[in-house]
Amino acid sequence: MKDAPEKSYFLHGPYGSGKTHLLLAQYRTLVLAGISCGLRTTAQLLNEIQRMEFDGDFLSPVFLGIRSGRRYHLFWDDLDKFKMTDFRLQELFDLIDTIYRRNLSITITSNFTLKELGELEKVHPFIRRIDEICRVLEV
């Protein structure tokens, strides 16, 4: 990660293993390099998605960042902390898919492996996309 901080990573491991610490170190490196970044927990992302659903004038800063056409890196902490609805699933898939299509970067932390997350039926579609984007690191 230190040699290529602009790349995408999926960090997984047990609680307290240092995933968020590594994410924040990478975030700091990119911000100091002048790269536009967003840092969100799953709860924050889902709150922004819900606000976009009910307030047509609101566009999440994360969604704005990935649609801006500029270089952008999303830092998503605690992917596995959510209750999924079909609407949220679609919005999160659109977010990940846009990052993929625009060749942007993302770093994600989770207590679970991609395989474990992929076994959750509703989450499966965007987990495959994350696997295509990110280098997987066990912490």
Protein backbone atom coordinates (compact mmCIF):
# COMPACT_ATOMS: atom_id res chain seq x y z
CA MET A 1 0.00 0.00 0.00
CA LYS A 2 2.84 2.35 0.78
CA ASP A 3 4.38 1.82 -2.67
CA ALA A 4 1.09 2.39 -4.51
CA PRO A 5 -1.25 4.46 -2.30
CA GLU A 6 -3.37 5.53 -5.29
CA LYS A 7 -4.47 1.93 -5.96
CA SER A 8 -7.67 0.24 -4.75
CA TYR A 9 -7.61 -2.12 -1.77
CA PHE A 10 -9.98 -4.36 0.13
CA LEU A 11 -8.68 -4.76 3.70
CA HIS A 12 -10.20 -7.54 5.79
CA GLY A 13 -9.45 -9.04 9.16
CA PRO A 14 -10.77 -9.34 12.68
CA TYR A 15 -11.89 -6.41 14.81
CA GLY A 16 -8.91 -4.44 16.13
CA SER A 17 -6.39 -5.68 13.57
CA GLY A 18 -5.56 -2.20 12.19
CA LYS A 19 -7.67 -2.05 9.00
CA THR A 20 -9.02 1.44 9.70
CA HIS A 21 -5.55 2.63 10.74
CA LEU A 22 -4.16 1.56 7.35
CA LEU A 23 -7.11 3.14 5.54
CA LEU A 24 -6.52 6.45 7.35
CA ALA A 25 -2.79 6.38 6.60
CA GLN A 26 -3.54 5.89 2.90
CA TYR A 27 -6.19 8.64 3.05
CA ARG A 28 -3.70 11.07 4.60
CA THR A 29 -1.09 10.26 1.95
CA LEU A 30 -3.52 10.95 -0.90
CA VAL A 31 -4.96 14.13 0.64
CA LEU A 32 -1.43 15.50 1.13
CA ALA A 33 -0.73 14.65 -2.53
CA GLY A 34 -3.70 16.80 -3.52
CA ILE A 35 -5.99 13.97 -4.65
CA SER A 36 -9.71 14.46 -4.09
CA CYS A 37 -10.95 11.90 -1.56
CA GLY A 38 -14.07 10.94 0.34
CA LEU A 39 -14.05 9.06 3.64
CA ARG A 40 -17.25 7.38 4.82
CA THR A 41 -18.47 4.60 7.03
CA THR A 42 -21.24 2.40 5.69
CA ALA A 43 -23.72 4.18 7.97
CA GLN A 44 -22.70 7.56 6.53
CA LEU A 45 -22.97 6.31 2.94
CA LEU A 46 -26.40 4.82 3.57
CA ASN A 47 -27.58 8.02 5.27
CA GLU A 48 -26.48 10.02 2.23
CA ILE A 49 -28.24 7.56 -0.09
CA GLN A 50 -31.42 7.84 1.98
CA ARG A 51 -31.21 11.64 1.92
CA MET A 52 -30.81 11.58 -1.90
CA GLU A 53 -33.90 9.38 -2.10
CA PHE A 54 -36.07 11.83 -0.13
CA ASP A 55 -34.47 15.17 -1.05
CA GLY A 56 -34.23 15.60 -4.81
CA ASP A 57 -31.97 18.64 -4.39
CA PHE A 58 -29.33 16.76 -2.38
CA LEU A 59 -26.46 14.95 -4.09
CA SER A 60 -24.08 13.10 -1.81
CA PRO A 61 -20.55 14.55 -1.88
CA VAL A 62 -19.30 11.02 -2.60
CA PHE A 63 -21.57 10.61 -5.62
CA LEU A 64 -20.64 14.13 -6.73
CA GLY A 65 -16.94 13.26 -6.39
CA ILE A 66 -17.13 10.11 -8.49
CA ARG A 67 -19.19 11.84 -11.16
CA SER A 68 -16.97 14.94 -11.35
CA GLY A 69 -14.62 13.55 -13.99
CA ARG A 70 -11.62 14.27 -11.78
CA ARG A 71 -9.33 11.82 -10.05
CA TYR A 72 -11.13 10.60 -6.93
CA HIS A 73 -10.54 7.98 -4.23
CA LEU A 74 -13.32 6.72 -1.96
CA PHE A 75 -12.40 5.35 1.46
CA TRP A 76 -15.22 3.12 2.77
CA ASP A 77 -14.83 1.88 6.34
CA ASP A 78 -16.81 -1.10 7.68
CA LEU A 79 -18.51 -2.37 4.53
CA ASP A 80 -20.19 -5.18 6.43
CA LYS A 81 -22.11 -2.91 8.82
CA PHE A 82 -25.46 -2.49 7.07
CA LYS A 83 -29.04 -3.64 6.65
CA MET A 84 -29.67 -3.88 2.94
CA THR A 85 -32.79 -2.88 1.04
CA ASP A 86 -33.19 -3.26 -2.71
CA PHE A 87 -32.89 0.52 -3.17
CA ARG A 88 -29.70 0.75 -1.12
CA LEU A 89 -28.24 -2.28 -2.87
CA GLN A 90 -28.87 -0.70 -6.27
CA GLU A 91 -27.37 2.64 -5.22
CA LEU A 92 -24.27 0.97 -3.76
CA PHE A 93 -23.87 -1.14 -6.89
CA ASP A 94 -24.16 2.03 -9.01
CA LEU A 95 -21.51 3.68 -6.84
CA ILE A 96 -19.07 0.77 -7.18
CA ASP A 97 -19.84 0.34 -10.87
CA THR A 98 -19.22 4.04 -11.57
CA ILE A 99 -15.87 3.82 -9.77
CA TYR A 100 -15.04 0.78 -11.91
CA ARG A 101 -16.14 2.33 -15.23
CA ARG A 102 -14.38 5.66 -14.59
CA ASN A 103 -11.21 3.89 -13.49
CA LEU A 104 -11.31 5.60 -10.09
CA SER A 105 -10.02 4.06 -6.89
CA ILE A 106 -11.52 2.82 -3.65
CA THR A 107 -10.27 1.38 -0.37
CA ILE A 108 -12.68 -0.69 1.71
CA THR A 109 -12.43 -2.31 5.14
CA SER A 110 -14.46 -5.25 6.42
CA ASN A 111 -14.36 -7.83 9.16
CA PHE A 112 -15.35 -10.41 6.53
CA THR A 113 -13.60 -11.74 3.43
CA LEU A 114 -15.04 -11.08 -0.02
CA LYS A 115 -16.01 -14.76 -0.18
CA GLU A 116 -17.96 -14.49 3.08
CA LEU A 117 -19.65 -11.29 1.91
CA GLY A 118 -20.39 -12.84 -1.48
CA GLU A 119 -22.32 -15.63 0.22
CA LEU A 120 -24.86 -13.07 1.41
CA GLU A 121 -27.41 -13.29 -1.40
CA LYS A 122 -28.33 -9.59 -1.63
CA VAL A 123 -24.77 -8.31 -1.50
CA HIS A 124 -23.34 -10.65 -4.13
CA PRO A 125 -23.61 -8.40 -7.24
CA PHE A 126 -21.43 -5.57 -5.98
CA ILE A 127 -18.98 -7.85 -4.16
CA ARG A 128 -17.91 -9.31 -7.52
CA ARG A 129 -17.26 -5.79 -8.81
CA ILE A 130 -15.17 -4.96 -5.71
CA ASP A 131 -13.16 -8.12 -6.33
CA GLU A 132 -12.43 -6.87 -9.88
CA ILE A 133 -11.33 -3.42 -8.66
CA CYS A 134 -9.40 -4.06 -5.46
CA ARG A 135 -6.27 -5.80 -4.37
CA VAL A 136 -7.31 -7.93 -1.40
CA LEU A 137 -5.17 -7.71 1.75
CA GLU A 138 -5.69 -9.64 4.95
CA VAL A 139 -4.73 -7.58 8.02
